[in-house]
C-alpha cells in the first residue's frame, strides 16, 4: 500500500473515532442513545481528492484537503458530516495530487 493510500486510510479511521458521539448510559441497551460515528468514503485520482460522510454528530462538517505537487494545499467546500455530500480538493495545474485527507470541524 502506498504512503498516500495508507495516510488516507488512517485519516478516515481517525475521523470516525474523532467524531464519535457520546453514549448515554441507561438501564437497558434500548434506552442508550446511538453513537454518531459518521460513515465516510474517500476517492482520489492523480489530481483530485474527495470525501463524503453521513451519519455524524449534529453540526459536524467535513471537507477534502489535498497536498499538491507544487507544495501548495487545496481545500474542498465544507459539507455536513450528518447528511453527506461530496467535497473535492483539486490539484490540477498544481503538480498533481501528492496526498489527501478529510478535515473536520
Protein backbone atom coordinates (compact mmCIF):
# COMPACT_ATOMS: atom_id res chain seq x y z
CA UNK A 1 0.00 0.00 0.00
CA UNK A 2 1.41 3.39 -0.95
CA UNK A 3 2.14 6.07 1.60
CA UNK A 4 -0.72 8.23 0.27
CA UNK A 5 -3.25 5.39 0.48
CA UNK A 6 -2.05 4.46 3.97
CA UNK A 7 -2.39 8.06 5.14
CA UNK A 8 -5.89 8.29 3.67
CA UNK A 9 -6.93 5.06 5.41
CA UNK A 10 -5.52 6.31 8.74
CA UNK A 11 -7.24 9.68 8.30
CA UNK A 12 -10.61 8.08 7.62
CA UNK A 13 -10.26 5.82 10.67
CA UNK A 14 -9.20 8.81 12.79
CA UNK A 15 -12.15 10.83 11.52
CA UNK A 16 -14.55 8.08 12.52
CA UNK A 17 -13.05 7.91 16.00
CA UNK A 18 -12.75 11.67 16.48
CA UNK A 19 -16.35 12.43 15.57
CA UNK A 20 -17.97 9.65 17.59
CA UNK A 21 -20.88 10.61 19.78
CA UNK A 22 -21.39 10.14 23.49
CA UNK A 23 -23.48 7.17 24.55
CA UNK A 24 -25.92 7.90 27.35
CA UNK A 25 -25.97 5.18 29.99
CA UNK A 26 -29.38 3.73 30.74
CA UNK A 27 -30.98 0.79 32.44
CA UNK A 28 -31.18 -1.17 29.22
CA UNK A 29 -29.47 -1.12 25.86
CA UNK A 30 -32.73 0.06 24.29
CA UNK A 31 -32.53 3.33 26.27
CA UNK A 32 -28.96 4.15 25.17
CA UNK A 33 -28.57 6.95 22.63
CA UNK A 34 -26.98 5.82 19.36
CA UNK A 35 -23.41 6.84 18.67
CA UNK A 36 -22.92 9.39 15.94
CA UNK A 37 -19.86 8.00 14.19
CA UNK A 38 -20.06 9.03 10.55
CA UNK A 39 -19.66 6.64 7.67
CA UNK A 40 -17.05 8.22 5.38
CA UNK A 41 -15.97 7.37 1.87
CA UNK A 42 -12.92 8.80 0.12
CA UNK A 43 -11.98 8.92 -3.55
CA UNK A 44 -8.90 10.13 -5.39
CA UNK A 45 -7.16 10.19 -8.74
CA UNK A 46 -3.95 11.84 -9.96
CA UNK A 47 -5.30 15.39 -9.43
CA UNK A 48 -8.25 15.18 -7.04
CA UNK A 49 -9.11 14.03 -3.51
CA UNK A 50 -12.74 13.72 -2.38
CA UNK A 51 -14.58 12.79 0.78
CA UNK A 52 -18.21 12.36 1.83
CA UNK A 53 -19.56 11.39 5.26
CA UNK A 54 -23.02 10.72 6.62
CA UNK A 55 -24.47 9.79 10.00
CA UNK A 56 -22.12 12.04 12.02
CA UNK A 57 -22.92 14.06 15.13
CA UNK A 58 -25.17 17.07 14.65
CA UNK A 59 -23.25 20.12 13.49
CA UNK A 60 -20.12 18.22 12.36
CA UNK A 61 -18.67 19.17 8.99
CA UNK A 62 -16.05 17.60 6.76
CA UNK A 63 -14.04 18.80 3.76
CA UNK A 64 -11.34 17.45 1.49
CA UNK A 65 -7.78 18.71 1.99
CA UNK A 66 -5.09 17.88 -0.55
CA UNK A 67 -1.37 18.41 -0.76
CA UNK A 68 -0.36 19.28 -4.31
CA UNK A 69 2.88 18.54 -6.15
CA UNK A 70 3.97 22.19 -6.14
CA UNK A 71 3.84 22.29 -2.30
CA UNK A 72 0.51 24.12 -2.06
CA UNK A 73 -2.68 22.84 -0.44
CA UNK A 74 -6.14 22.68 -1.96
CA UNK A 75 -9.40 22.59 0.01
CA UNK A 76 -12.88 21.49 -0.88
CA UNK A 77 -16.03 23.13 0.47
CA UNK A 78 -17.32 22.22 3.94
CA UNK A 79 -20.09 19.62 3.82
CA UNK A 80 -22.34 18.18 6.51
CA UNK A 81 -20.96 15.03 8.15
CA UNK A 82 -24.58 14.26 9.09
CA UNK A 83 -26.31 14.26 5.71
CA UNK A 84 -23.39 13.76 3.32
CA UNK A 85 -22.36 15.50 0.14
CA UNK A 86 -19.03 15.26 -1.66
CA UNK A 87 -16.21 17.72 -1.01
CA UNK A 88 -13.41 17.71 -3.61
CA UNK A 89 -9.96 19.33 -3.43
CA UNK A 90 -8.32 19.86 -6.83
CA UNK A 91 -4.58 19.85 -7.64
CA UNK A 92 -4.88 20.03 -11.44
CA UNK A 93 -2.35 22.57 -12.69
CA UNK A 94 -0.56 22.43 -9.31
CA UNK A 95 1.67 19.41 -9.91
CA UNK A 96 -0.98 16.76 -9.24
CA UNK A 97 -2.16 15.14 -6.02
CA UNK A 98 0.54 14.09 -3.54
CA UNK A 99 -1.72 13.25 -0.59
CA UNK A 100 -5.22 13.90 0.69
CA UNK A 101 -7.26 13.52 3.85
CA UNK A 102 -10.59 14.51 5.41
CA UNK A 103 -10.62 17.59 7.64
CA UNK A 104 -13.37 18.06 10.24
CA UNK A 105 -14.75 20.87 12.35
